Amino acid sequence: MRPDAARVAAVIRIDAAWLATAPLDMRAGTDTALARVIATHEPSWVTGAAA
């Protein structure tokens, strides 16, 4: 095995990229951030449609 092979196996694979749709004050906290994510994506979770 090549010395580089172990390092290649440790690379993180990115399956999806999430982009912000609006600015969020980072001082708001995780609860507020989660509430905004749910409010944005909840209709697609309920109906099964893509956002």
PDB file of N, CA and C in Angstrom:
ATOM      1  N   MET A   1       0.838  -1.176   0.000  1.00  0.00           N
ATOM      2  CA  MET A   1       0.000   0.000   0.000  1.00  0.00           C
ATOM      3  C   MET A   1       0.882   1.238   0.000  1.00  0.00           C
ATOM      4  N   ARG A   2       0.475   2.209  -0.803  1.00  0.00           N
ATOM      5  CA  ARG A   2       1.226   3.460  -0.853  1.00  0.00           C
ATOM      6  C   ARG A   2       1.062   4.237   0.443  1.00  0.00           C
ATOM      7  N   PRO A   3       2.048   5.005   0.835  1.00  0.00           N
ATOM      8  CA  PRO A   3       1.938   5.806   2.059  1.00  0.00           C
ATOM      9  C   PRO A   3       0.788   6.809   1.998  1.00  0.00           C
ATOM     10  N   ASP A   4       0.439   7.299   0.807  1.00  0.00           N
ATOM     11  CA  ASP A   4      -0.643   8.273   0.661  1.00  0.00           C
ATOM     12  C   ASP A   4      -2.021   7.629   0.747  1.00  0.00           C
ATOM     13  N   ALA A   5      -2.128   6.336   0.577  1.00  0.00           N
ATOM     14  CA  ALA A   5      -3.427   5.662   0.518  1.00  0.00           C
ATOM     15  C   ALA A   5      -4.204   5.802   1.826  1.00  0.00           C
ATOM     16  N   ALA A   6      -3.550   5.737   2.961  1.00  0.00           N
ATOM     17  CA  ALA A   6      -4.236   5.869   4.245  1.00  0.00           C
ATOM     18  C   ALA A   6      -4.793   7.282   4.413  1.00  0.00           C
ATOM     19  N   ARG A   7      -4.079   8.256   3.923  1.00  0.00           N
ATOM     20  CA  ARG A   7      -4.540   9.634   4.035  1.00  0.00           C
ATOM     21  C   ARG A   7      -5.748   9.878   3.121  1.00  0.00           C
ATOM     22  N   VAL A   8      -5.777   9.273   1.957  1.00  0.00           N
ATOM     23  CA  VAL A   8      -6.895   9.439   1.031  1.00  0.00           C
ATOM     24  C   VAL A   8      -8.164   8.850   1.634  1.00  0.00           C
ATOM     25  N   ALA A   9      -8.070   7.736   2.339  1.00  0.00           N
ATOM     26  CA  ALA A   9      -9.241   7.092   2.931  1.00  0.00           C
ATOM     27  C   ALA A   9      -9.856   7.956   4.029  1.00  0.00           C
ATOM     28  N   ALA A  10      -9.107   8.877   4.604  1.00  0.00           N
ATOM     29  CA  ALA A  10      -9.592   9.703   5.699  1.00  0.00           C
ATOM     30  C   ALA A  10     -10.307  10.975   5.211  1.00  0.00           C
ATOM     31  N   VAL A  11     -10.421  11.164   3.919  1.00  0.00           N
ATOM     32  CA  VAL A  11     -11.069  12.360   3.379  1.00  0.00           C
ATOM     33  C   VAL A  11     -12.576  12.282   3.620  1.00  0.00           C
ATOM     34  N   ILE A  12     -13.172  13.381   4.011  1.00  0.00           N
ATOM     35  CA  ILE A  12     -14.610  13.441   4.261  1.00  0.00           C
ATOM     36  C   ILE A  12     -15.328  13.658   2.934  1.00  0.00           C
ATOM     37  N   ARG A  13     -16.301  12.805   2.648  1.00  0.00           N
ATOM     38  CA  ARG A  13     -17.091  12.934   1.428  1.00  0.00           C
ATOM     39  C   ARG A  13     -18.275  13.870   1.679  1.00  0.00           C
ATOM     40  N   ILE A  14     -18.484  14.822   0.788  1.00  0.00           N
ATOM     41  CA  ILE A  14     -19.591  15.767   0.921  1.00  0.00           C
ATOM     42  C   ILE A  14     -20.722  15.295   0.019  1.00  0.00           C
ATOM     43  N   ASP A  15     -21.876  14.966   0.619  1.00  0.00           N
ATOM     44  CA  ASP A  15     -23.028  14.500  -0.143  1.00  0.00           C
ATOM     45  C   ASP A  15     -23.949  15.638  -0.551  1.00  0.00           C
ATOM     46  N   ALA A  16     -23.966  16.714   0.211  1.00  0.00           N
ATOM     47  CA  ALA A  16     -24.843  17.841  -0.095  1.00  0.00           C
ATOM     48  C   ALA A  16     -24.227  19.119   0.450  1.00  0.00           C
ATOM     49  N   ALA A  17     -24.516  20.214  -0.224  1.00  0.00           N
ATOM     50  CA  ALA A  17     -24.074  21.526   0.241  1.00  0.00           C
ATOM     51  C   ALA A  17     -25.303  22.349   0.588  1.00  0.00           C
ATOM     52  N   TRP A  18     -25.337  22.882   1.791  1.00  0.00           N
ATOM     53  CA  TRP A  18     -26.468  23.692   2.245  1.00  0.00           C
ATOM     54  C   TRP A  18     -26.042  25.149   2.221  1.00  0.00           C
ATOM     55  N   LEU A  19     -26.827  25.958   1.540  1.00  0.00           N
ATOM     56  CA  LEU A  19     -26.528  27.381   1.445  1.00  0.00           C
ATOM     57  C   LEU A  19     -27.560  28.169   2.240  1.00  0.00           C
ATOM     58  N   ALA A  20     -27.141  29.274   2.799  1.00  0.00           N
ATOM     59  CA  ALA A  20     -28.049  30.113   3.572  1.00  0.00           C
ATOM     60  C   ALA A  20     -29.019  30.837   2.643  1.00  0.00           C
ATOM     61  N   THR A  21     -30.274  30.950   3.072  1.00  0.00           N
ATOM     62  CA  THR A  21     -31.265  31.691   2.299  1.00  0.00           C
ATOM     63  C   THR A  21     -31.465  33.087   2.860  1.00  0.00           C
ATOM     64  N   ALA A  22     -31.003  33.310   4.082  1.00  0.00           N
ATOM     65  CA  ALA A  22     -31.117  34.616   4.725  1.00  0.00           C
ATOM     66  C   ALA A  22     -30.048  34.713   5.808  1.00  0.00           C
ATOM     67  N   PRO A  23     -29.617  35.921   6.133  1.00  0.00           N
ATOM     68  CA  PRO A  23     -28.621  36.065   7.193  1.00  0.00           C
ATOM     69  C   PRO A  23     -29.200  35.676   8.560  1.00  0.00           C
ATOM     70  N   LEU A  24     -28.352  35.168   9.425  1.00  0.00           N
ATOM     71  CA  LEU A  24     -28.765  34.784  10.775  1.00  0.00           C
ATOM     72  C   LEU A  24     -27.730  35.317  11.758  1.00  0.00           C
ATOM     73  N   ASP A  25     -28.209  36.029  12.744  1.00  0.00           N
ATOM     74  CA  ASP A  25     -27.314  36.534  13.784  1.00  0.00           C
ATOM     75  C   ASP A  25     -26.831  35.341  14.604  1.00  0.00           C
ATOM     76  N   MET A  26     -25.545  35.077  14.588  1.00  0.00           N
ATOM     77  CA  MET A  26     -24.988  33.901  15.258  1.00  0.00           C
ATOM     78  C   MET A  26     -25.121  33.993  16.779  1.00  0.00           C
ATOM     79  N   ARG A  27     -25.446  35.159  17.303  1.00  0.00           N
ATOM     80  CA  ARG A  27     -25.661  35.296  18.742  1.00  0.00           C
ATOM     81  C   ARG A  27     -27.036  34.783  19.155  1.00  0.00           C
ATOM     82  N   ALA A  28     -27.875  34.444  18.186  1.00  0.00           N
ATOM     83  CA  ALA A  28     -29.248  34.019  18.475  1.00  0.00           C
ATOM     84  C   ALA A  28     -29.287  32.673  19.198  1.00  0.00           C
ATOM     85  N   GLY A  29     -28.318  31.836  18.956  1.00  0.00           N
ATOM     86  CA  GLY A  29     -28.268  30.542  19.626  1.00  0.00           C
ATOM     87  C   GLY A  29     -28.747  29.401  18.737  1.00  0.00           C
ATOM     88  N   THR A  30     -28.484  28.193  19.178  1.00  0.00           N
ATOM     89  CA  THR A  30     -28.799  27.014  18.374  1.00  0.00           C
ATOM     90  C   THR A  30     -30.294  26.758  18.283  1.00  0.00           C
ATOM     91  N   ASP A  31     -31.047  27.078  19.325  1.00  0.00           N
ATOM     92  CA  ASP A  31     -32.493  26.858  19.283  1.00  0.00           C
ATOM     93  C   ASP A  31     -33.143  27.724  18.205  1.00  0.00           C
ATOM     94  N   THR A  32     -32.727  28.971  18.115  1.00  0.00           N
ATOM     95  CA  THR A  32     -33.263  29.869  17.097  1.00  0.00           C
ATOM     96  C   THR A  32     -32.852  29.409  15.705  1.00  0.00           C
ATOM     97  N   ALA A  33     -31.613  28.988  15.548  1.00  0.00           N
ATOM     98  CA  ALA A  33     -31.147  28.509  14.248  1.00  0.00           C
ATOM     99  C   ALA A  33     -31.937  27.266  13.821  1.00  0.00           C
ATOM    100  N   LEU A  34     -32.147  26.333  14.738  1.00  0.00           N
ATOM    101  CA  LEU A  34     -32.912  25.128  14.423  1.00  0.00           C
ATOM    102  C   LEU A  34     -34.357  25.480  14.072  1.00  0.00           C
ATOM    103  N   ALA A  35     -34.954  26.420  14.775  1.00  0.00           N
ATOM    104  CA  ALA A  35     -36.327  26.829  14.482  1.00  0.00           C
ATOM    105  C   ALA A  35     -36.430  27.417  13.075  1.00  0.00           C
ATOM    106  N   ARG A  36     -35.412  28.163  12.646  1.00  0.00           N
ATOM    107  CA  ARG A  36     -35.436  28.729  11.287  1.00  0.00           C
ATOM    108  C   ARG A  36     -35.271  27.653  10.243  1.00  0.00           C
ATOM    109  N   VAL A  37     -34.440  26.650  10.501  1.00  0.00           N
ATOM    110  CA  VAL A  37     -34.277  25.542   9.553  1.00  0.00           C
ATOM    111  C   VAL A  37     -35.595  24.779   9.417  1.00  0.00           C
ATOM    112  N   ILE A  38     -36.237  24.497  10.540  1.00  0.00           N
ATOM    113  CA  ILE A  38     -37.505  23.762  10.519  1.00  0.00           C
ATOM    114  C   ILE A  38     -38.575  24.580   9.799  1.00  0.00           C
ATOM    115  N   ALA A  39     -38.643  25.866  10.075  1.00  0.00           N
ATOM    116  CA  ALA A  39     -39.647  26.717   9.427  1.00  0.00           C
ATOM    117  C   ALA A  39     -39.437  26.776   7.915  1.00  0.00           C
ATOM    118  N   THR A  40     -38.190  26.724   7.482  1.00  0.00           N
ATOM    119  CA  THR A  40     -37.890  26.790   6.057  1.00  0.00           C
ATOM    120  C   THR A  40     -38.194  25.473   5.354  1.00  0.00           C
ATOM    121  N   HIS A  41     -37.898  24.357   6.004  1.00  0.00           N
ATOM    122  CA  HIS A  41     -37.992  23.051   5.342  1.00  0.00           C
ATOM    123  C   HIS A  41     -39.192  22.219   5.763  1.00  0.00           C
ATOM    124  N   GLU A  42     -39.940  22.644   6.738  1.00  0.00           N
ATOM    125  CA  GLU A  42     -41.054  21.839   7.229  1.00  0.00           C
ATOM    126  C   GLU A  42     -42.074  21.491   6.146  1.00  0.00           C
ATOM    127  N   PRO A  43     -42.467  22.409   5.284  1.00  0.00           N
ATOM    128  CA  PRO A  43     -43.440  22.025   4.255  1.00  0.00           C
ATOM    129  C   PRO A  43     -42.965  20.855   3.395  1.00  0.00           C
ATOM    130  N   SER A  44     -41.681  20.810   3.052  1.00  0.00           N
ATOM    131  CA  SER A  44     -41.185  19.705   2.232  1.00  0.00           C
ATOM    132  C   SER A  44     -41.131  18.406   3.043  1.00  0.00           C
ATOM    133  N   TRP A  45     -40.883  18.500   4.362  1.00  0.00           N
ATOM    134  CA  TRP A  45     -40.875  17.286   5.178  1.00  0.00           C
ATOM    135  C   TRP A  45     -42.281  16.723   5.305  1.00  0.00           C
ATOM    136  N   VAL A  46     -43.275  17.595   5.391  1.00  0.00           N
ATOM    137  CA  VAL A  46     -44.653  17.141   5.571  1.00  0.00           C
ATOM    138  C   VAL A  46     -45.194  16.547   4.275  1.00  0.00           C
ATOM    139  N   THR A  47     -44.968  17.216   3.152  1.00  0.00           N
ATOM    140  CA  THR A  47     -45.530  16.764   1.886  1.00  0.00           C
ATOM    141  C   THR A  47     -44.649  15.773   1.150  1.00  0.00           C
ATOM    142  N   GLY A  48     -43.382  15.710   1.493  1.00  0.00           N
ATOM    143  CA  GLY A  48     -42.458  14.831   0.799  1.00  0.00           C
ATOM    144  C   GLY A  48     -41.902  15.443  -0.470  1.00  0.00           C
ATOM    145  N   ALA A  49     -42.256  16.688  -0.760  1.00  0.00           N
ATOM    146  CA  ALA A  49     -41.775  17.372  -1.939  1.00  0.00           C
ATOM    147  C   ALA A  49     -40.381  17.946  -1.680  1.00  0.00           C
ATOM    148  N   ALA A  50     -39.648  18.139  -2.741  1.00  0.00           N
ATOM    149  CA  ALA A  50     -38.320  18.728  -2.600  1.00  0.00           C
ATOM    150  C   ALA A  50     -38.460  20.219  -2.313  1.00  0.00           C
ATOM    151  N   ALA A  51     -37.556  20.729  -1.499  1.00  0.00           N
ATOM    152  CA  ALA A  51     -37.608  22.164  -1.151  1.00  0.00           C
ATOM    153  C   ALA A  51     -37.098  23.014  -2.276  1.00  0.00           C
TER     154      ALA A  51
END
